[in-house]
Amino acid sequence: MASNEIQPLYRSFLKVIQRWPVDKVRPNRDLKQVLVTRIEETFRKPLLNEETLNVAQAERELLSLEKLLNNEFKEKYALSEKILSPASNPKYYSSMVSSLGTNKDGSQGFLAKLLNQRK
């Protein structure tokens, strides 16, 4: 496969990963960094002729990442108040969000936004 055929797909992955939120809860195990490493390795191998890239699978994976990033599954499978406010500790998630605080720029983090929208 010629490198010019996979470059647009590679750029699409990079655009999605660029928008991916940083995980403040697990800074040493950040999914964004895992995605960057995997994409670089996946697209480097075909260029080095070590193996071929399954373009159809890569396109499906890109679509899945875009759906996750756009919260399509969150909207499709909304969480109930029972789950968000468990009887044993109803303020558990709101306390977790408060403990995360805000980003250095004053904006809320990804998890804080996610959980605050359900209040």
N, C-alpha and C. Protein backbone atom coordinates (compact mmCIF):
# COMPACT_ATOMS: atom_id res chain seq x y z
N MET A 1 0.85 -1.18 0.00
CA MET A 1 0.00 0.00 0.00
C MET A 1 0.89 1.23 0.00
N ALA A 2 0.61 2.16 -0.84
CA ALA A 2 1.41 3.38 -0.94
C ALA A 2 1.13 4.29 0.24
N SER A 3 2.16 5.01 0.66
CA SER A 3 2.02 5.88 1.83
C SER A 3 1.01 6.99 1.60
N ASN A 4 0.83 7.41 0.34
CA ASN A 4 -0.13 8.49 0.08
C ASN A 4 -1.57 8.02 0.27
N GLU A 5 -1.82 6.72 0.28
CA GLU A 5 -3.17 6.21 0.51
C GLU A 5 -3.53 6.18 1.99
N ILE A 6 -2.54 6.05 2.86
CA ILE A 6 -2.85 5.97 4.29
C ILE A 6 -2.68 7.29 5.01
N GLN A 7 -2.05 8.27 4.37
CA GLN A 7 -1.83 9.56 5.02
C GLN A 7 -3.12 10.26 5.44
N PRO A 8 -4.18 10.30 4.61
CA PRO A 8 -5.42 10.94 5.07
C PRO A 8 -6.04 10.24 6.29
N LEU A 9 -5.97 8.93 6.31
CA LEU A 9 -6.48 8.17 7.45
C LEU A 9 -5.66 8.47 8.70
N TYR A 10 -4.37 8.50 8.55
CA TYR A 10 -3.47 8.82 9.66
C TYR A 10 -3.77 10.21 10.22
N ARG A 11 -3.94 11.18 9.31
CA ARG A 11 -4.26 12.56 9.75
C ARG A 11 -5.61 12.60 10.47
N SER A 12 -6.57 11.81 10.03
CA SER A 12 -7.87 11.76 10.69
C SER A 12 -7.73 11.23 12.12
N PHE A 13 -6.92 10.21 12.29
CA PHE A 13 -6.67 9.68 13.64
C PHE A 13 -6.02 10.75 14.51
N LEU A 14 -5.05 11.46 13.96
CA LEU A 14 -4.36 12.49 14.74
C LEU A 14 -5.32 13.60 15.17
N LYS A 15 -6.25 13.96 14.30
CA LYS A 15 -7.23 15.00 14.65
C LYS A 15 -8.13 14.54 15.80
N VAL A 16 -8.55 13.29 15.76
CA VAL A 16 -9.40 12.76 16.84
C VAL A 16 -8.61 12.72 18.14
N ILE A 17 -7.40 12.22 18.07
CA ILE A 17 -6.57 12.10 19.28
C ILE A 17 -6.24 13.47 19.85
N GLN A 18 -6.05 14.45 19.00
CA GLN A 18 -5.77 15.80 19.47
C GLN A 18 -6.92 16.34 20.33
N ARG A 19 -8.14 15.98 19.97
CA ARG A 19 -9.33 16.43 20.71
C ARG A 19 -9.62 15.56 21.93
N TRP A 20 -8.92 14.43 22.08
CA TRP A 20 -9.20 13.50 23.17
C TRP A 20 -8.82 14.14 24.50
N PRO A 21 -9.69 14.04 25.52
CA PRO A 21 -9.39 14.67 26.81
C PRO A 21 -8.27 13.95 27.56
N VAL A 22 -7.54 14.71 28.35
CA VAL A 22 -6.51 14.15 29.21
C VAL A 22 -7.19 13.60 30.46
N ASP A 23 -6.77 12.46 30.91
CA ASP A 23 -7.36 11.82 32.08
C ASP A 23 -6.65 12.31 33.34
N LYS A 24 -7.30 13.21 34.08
CA LYS A 24 -6.71 13.77 35.29
C LYS A 24 -6.70 12.76 36.43
N VAL A 25 -7.58 11.77 36.37
CA VAL A 25 -7.66 10.78 37.44
C VAL A 25 -6.46 9.83 37.38
N ARG A 26 -6.04 9.49 36.18
CA ARG A 26 -4.91 8.57 36.00
C ARG A 26 -3.88 9.20 35.06
N PRO A 27 -3.15 10.20 35.51
CA PRO A 27 -2.22 10.90 34.62
C PRO A 27 -1.09 10.01 34.09
N ASN A 28 -0.75 8.97 34.81
CA ASN A 28 0.33 8.08 34.37
C ASN A 28 -0.17 6.96 33.45
N ARG A 29 -1.49 6.85 33.28
CA ARG A 29 -2.07 5.81 32.43
C ARG A 29 -3.10 6.46 31.51
N ASP A 30 -2.70 7.50 30.87
CA ASP A 30 -3.60 8.31 30.05
C ASP A 30 -3.90 7.63 28.71
N LEU A 31 -5.19 7.47 28.42
CA LEU A 31 -5.61 6.82 27.18
C LEU A 31 -5.14 7.62 25.95
N LYS A 32 -5.11 8.91 26.07
CA LYS A 32 -4.66 9.74 24.95
C LYS A 32 -3.25 9.35 24.52
N GLN A 33 -2.35 9.18 25.49
CA GLN A 33 -0.97 8.81 25.15
C GLN A 33 -0.91 7.39 24.59
N VAL A 34 -1.72 6.49 25.10
CA VAL A 34 -1.78 5.12 24.56
C VAL A 34 -2.23 5.15 23.11
N LEU A 35 -3.24 5.97 22.81
CA LEU A 35 -3.73 6.08 21.44
C LEU A 35 -2.66 6.65 20.51
N VAL A 36 -1.95 7.67 20.96
CA VAL A 36 -0.89 8.26 20.14
C VAL A 36 0.16 7.21 19.80
N THR A 37 0.60 6.47 20.80
CA THR A 37 1.62 5.44 20.58
C THR A 37 1.12 4.37 19.62
N ARG A 38 -0.10 3.91 19.83
CA ARG A 38 -0.65 2.84 18.98
C ARG A 38 -0.79 3.31 17.53
N ILE A 39 -1.28 4.51 17.34
CA ILE A 39 -1.47 5.02 15.98
C ILE A 39 -0.12 5.18 15.28
N GLU A 40 0.85 5.72 15.99
CA GLU A 40 2.18 5.88 15.39
C GLU A 40 2.75 4.52 14.98
N GLU A 41 2.64 3.53 15.85
CA GLU A 41 3.16 2.19 15.53
C GLU A 41 2.38 1.54 14.38
N THR A 42 1.05 1.66 14.42
CA THR A 42 0.21 1.04 13.40
C THR A 42 0.50 1.60 12.01
N PHE A 43 0.70 2.90 11.92
CA PHE A 43 0.92 3.51 10.61
C PHE A 43 2.39 3.49 10.18
N ARG A 44 3.30 3.28 11.12
CA ARG A 44 4.71 3.22 10.77
C ARG A 44 5.06 1.89 10.12
N LYS A 45 4.47 0.79 10.59
CA LYS A 45 4.80 -0.55 10.08
C LYS A 45 4.56 -0.69 8.57
N PRO A 46 3.41 -0.25 8.04
CA PRO A 46 3.24 -0.36 6.58
C PRO A 46 4.25 0.47 5.79
N LEU A 47 4.66 1.59 6.35
CA LEU A 47 5.64 2.43 5.67
C LEU A 47 7.02 1.75 5.64
N LEU A 48 7.28 0.93 6.65
CA LEU A 48 8.55 0.21 6.72
C LEU A 48 8.46 -1.16 6.05
N ASN A 49 7.32 -1.43 5.43
CA ASN A 49 7.06 -2.70 4.74
C ASN A 49 7.13 -3.91 5.66
N GLU A 50 6.85 -3.70 6.94
CA GLU A 50 6.84 -4.81 7.89
C GLU A 50 5.53 -5.58 7.82
N GLU A 51 4.46 -4.92 7.49
CA GLU A 51 3.16 -5.56 7.35
C GLU A 51 2.23 -4.62 6.61
N THR A 52 1.04 -5.10 6.29
CA THR A 52 0.07 -4.25 5.60
C THR A 52 -0.94 -3.72 6.59
N LEU A 53 -1.49 -2.59 6.25
CA LEU A 53 -2.51 -1.97 7.09
C LEU A 53 -3.88 -2.41 6.62
N ASN A 54 -4.69 -2.89 7.54
CA ASN A 54 -6.07 -3.25 7.23
C ASN A 54 -6.88 -1.95 7.27
N VAL A 55 -7.08 -1.34 6.13
CA VAL A 55 -7.72 -0.02 6.04
C VAL A 55 -9.16 -0.08 6.54
N ALA A 56 -9.88 -1.12 6.19
CA ALA A 56 -11.29 -1.23 6.63
C ALA A 56 -11.37 -1.28 8.15
N GLN A 57 -10.50 -2.03 8.78
CA GLN A 57 -10.50 -2.11 10.24
C GLN A 57 -10.09 -0.77 10.85
N ALA A 58 -9.10 -0.13 10.27
CA ALA A 58 -8.65 1.17 10.77
C ALA A 58 -9.77 2.20 10.67
N GLU A 59 -10.54 2.16 9.58
CA GLU A 59 -11.67 3.09 9.43
C GLU A 59 -12.75 2.82 10.47
N ARG A 60 -13.01 1.56 10.77
CA ARG A 60 -13.99 1.21 11.82
C ARG A 60 -13.52 1.71 13.19
N GLU A 61 -12.23 1.54 13.46
CA GLU A 61 -11.68 2.00 14.74
C GLU A 61 -11.75 3.53 14.84
N LEU A 62 -11.47 4.21 13.75
CA LEU A 62 -11.56 5.67 13.73
C LEU A 62 -13.00 6.11 14.02
N LEU A 63 -13.95 5.48 13.38
CA LEU A 63 -15.36 5.80 13.60
C LEU A 63 -15.75 5.57 15.06
N SER A 64 -15.27 4.48 15.64
CA SER A 64 -15.57 4.19 17.05
C SER A 64 -14.99 5.26 17.97
N LEU A 65 -13.75 5.66 17.72
CA LEU A 65 -13.15 6.72 18.53
C LEU A 65 -13.91 8.03 18.40
N GLU A 66 -14.35 8.35 17.19
CA GLU A 66 -15.14 9.57 16.99
C GLU A 66 -16.46 9.50 17.75
N LYS A 67 -17.10 8.34 17.74
CA LYS A 67 -18.35 8.18 18.48
C LYS A 67 -18.14 8.36 19.98
N LEU A 68 -17.05 7.78 20.51
CA LEU A 68 -16.74 7.96 21.93
C LEU A 68 -16.47 9.42 22.25
N LEU A 69 -15.70 10.07 21.42
CA LEU A 69 -15.35 11.46 21.64
C LEU A 69 -16.57 12.38 21.60
N ASN A 70 -17.53 12.04 20.74
CA ASN A 70 -18.74 12.85 20.60
C ASN A 70 -19.87 12.43 21.54
N ASN A 71 -19.56 11.54 22.47
CA ASN A 71 -20.52 11.09 23.49
C ASN A 71 -21.78 10.44 22.92
N GLU A 72 -21.68 9.81 21.76
CA GLU A 72 -22.85 9.17 21.17
C GLU A 72 -23.41 8.06 22.04
N PHE A 73 -22.53 7.32 22.69
CA PHE A 73 -22.99 6.21 23.53
C PHE A 73 -23.59 6.72 24.84
N LYS A 74 -23.06 7.82 25.34
CA LYS A 74 -23.60 8.42 26.56
C LYS A 74 -25.05 8.86 26.34
N GLU A 75 -25.30 9.41 25.17
CA GLU A 75 -26.66 9.85 24.86
C GLU A 75 -27.58 8.67 24.56
N LYS A 76 -27.06 7.67 23.91
CA LYS A 76 -27.86 6.51 23.55
C LYS A 76 -28.20 5.66 24.77
N TYR A 77 -27.26 5.54 25.69
CA TYR A 77 -27.42 4.71 26.88
C TYR A 77 -27.27 5.57 28.13
N ALA A 78 -28.22 6.47 28.32
CA ALA A 78 -28.16 7.40 29.44
C ALA A 78 -28.20 6.66 30.78
N LEU A 79 -27.48 7.20 31.76
CA LEU A 79 -27.45 6.62 33.09
C LEU A 79 -28.62 7.14 33.91
N SER A 80 -29.18 6.27 34.70
CA SER A 80 -30.32 6.66 35.55
C SER A 80 -29.82 7.34 36.83
N GLU A 81 -30.71 8.03 37.50
CA GLU A 81 -30.37 8.67 38.77
C GLU A 81 -29.99 7.64 39.83
N LYS A 82 -30.55 6.43 39.74
CA LYS A 82 -30.18 5.37 40.69
C LYS A 82 -28.70 5.04 40.62
N ILE A 83 -28.19 5.04 39.42
CA ILE A 83 -26.77 4.73 39.24
C ILE A 83 -25.91 5.92 39.66
N LEU A 84 -26.34 7.12 39.32
CA LEU A 84 -25.55 8.31 39.62
C LEU A 84 -25.63 8.73 41.08
N SER A 85 -26.68 8.31 41.78
CA SER A 85 -26.84 8.62 43.20
C SER A 85 -27.16 7.34 43.96
N PRO A 86 -26.18 6.47 44.17
CA PRO A 86 -26.45 5.20 44.85
C PRO A 86 -26.97 5.42 46.27
N ALA A 87 -27.88 4.59 46.69
CA ALA A 87 -28.50 4.73 48.01
C ALA A 87 -27.46 4.67 49.13
N SER A 88 -26.44 3.88 48.97
CA SER A 88 -25.43 3.74 50.02
C SER A 88 -24.57 5.00 50.19
N ASN A 89 -24.43 5.78 49.13
CA ASN A 89 -23.63 7.01 49.19
C ASN A 89 -24.08 7.94 48.07
N PRO A 90 -25.20 8.64 48.24
CA PRO A 90 -25.79 9.44 47.16
C PRO A 90 -24.90 10.57 46.62
N LYS A 91 -23.97 11.05 47.40
CA LYS A 91 -23.12 12.16 46.96
C LYS A 91 -21.75 11.69 46.47
N TYR A 92 -21.60 10.40 46.25
CA TYR A 92 -20.31 9.84 45.87
C TYR A 92 -19.75 10.50 44.61
N TYR A 93 -20.52 10.53 43.54
CA TYR A 93 -20.02 11.06 42.27
C TYR A 93 -19.86 12.58 42.30
N SER A 94 -20.76 13.28 42.96
CA SER A 94 -20.60 14.74 43.04
C SER A 94 -19.35 15.08 43.87
N SER A 95 -19.07 14.29 44.90
CA SER A 95 -17.84 14.51 45.69
C SER A 95 -16.60 14.24 44.85
N MET A 96 -16.68 13.21 44.03
CA MET A 96 -15.55 12.87 43.16
C MET A 96 -15.28 14.02 42.19
N VAL A 97 -16.34 14.56 41.63
CA VAL A 97 -16.18 15.68 40.69
C VAL A 97 -15.57 16.88 41.40
N SER A 98 -16.04 17.17 42.61
CA SER A 98 -15.50 18.29 43.37
C SER A 98 -14.02 18.10 43.67
N SER A 99 -13.63 16.87 43.96
CA SER A 99 -12.23 16.62 44.29
C SER A 99 -11.33 16.78 43.07
N LEU A 100 -11.89 16.59 41.89
CA LEU A 100 -11.09 16.77 40.68
C LEU A 100 -10.80 18.25 40.42
N GLY A 101 -11.70 19.11 40.88
CA GLY A 101 -11.49 20.54 40.71
C GLY A 101 -11.56 20.97 39.27
N THR A 102 -10.84 22.01 38.98
CA THR A 102 -10.85 22.56 37.63
C THR A 102 -9.45 22.48 37.03
N ASN A 103 -9.39 22.63 35.73
CA ASN A 103 -8.11 22.64 35.04
C ASN A 103 -7.36 23.92 35.37
N LYS A 104 -6.09 23.98 35.01
CA LYS A 104 -5.28 25.16 35.27
C LYS A 104 -5.85 26.41 34.61
N ASP A 105 -6.52 26.23 33.47
CA ASP A 105 -7.08 27.38 32.76
C ASP A 105 -8.45 27.79 33.29
N GLY A 106 -8.92 27.12 34.37
CA GLY A 106 -10.19 27.47 34.97
C GLY A 106 -11.37 26.69 34.43
N SER A 107 -11.17 25.92 33.38
CA SER A 107 -12.27 25.14 32.81
C SER A 107 -12.39 23.80 33.53
N GLN A 108 -13.55 23.20 33.42
CA GLN A 108 -13.77 21.90 34.03
C GLN A 108 -13.10 20.81 33.21
N GLY A 109 -12.66 19.75 33.88
CA GLY A 109 -12.11 18.60 33.19
C GLY A 109 -13.21 17.77 32.56
N PHE A 110 -12.81 16.80 31.76
CA PHE A 110 -13.75 15.94 31.03
C PHE A 110 -14.70 15.21 31.98
N LEU A 111 -14.17 14.56 33.01
CA LEU A 111 -15.01 13.80 33.93
C LEU A 111 -15.95 14.72 34.70
N ALA A 112 -15.45 15.89 35.10
CA ALA A 112 -16.29 16.85 35.82
C ALA A 112 -17.44 17.30 34.95
N LYS A 113 -17.19 17.58 33.68
CA LYS A 113 -18.26 17.97 32.76
C LYS A 113 -19.27 16.85 32.59
N LEU A 114 -18.75 15.65 32.42
CA LEU A 114 -19.61 14.49 32.23
C LEU A 114 -20.55 14.29 33.41
N LEU A 115 -20.02 14.31 34.60
CA LEU A 115 -20.83 14.04 35.79
C LEU A 115 -21.71 15.24 36.17
N ASN A 116 -21.25 16.43 35.92
CA ASN A 116 -22.06 17.62 36.24
C ASN A 116 -23.28 17.74 35.35
N GLN A 117 -23.23 17.22 34.15
CA GLN A 117 -24.36 17.29 33.23
C GLN A 117 -25.52 16.43 33.72
N ARG A 118 -25.26 15.48 34.59
CA ARG A 118 -26.30 14.54 35.04
C ARG A 118 -26.99 15.03 36.30
N LYS A 119 -26.57 16.14 36.87
CA LYS A 119 -27.19 16.64 38.12
C LYS A 119 -28.54 17.22 37.85
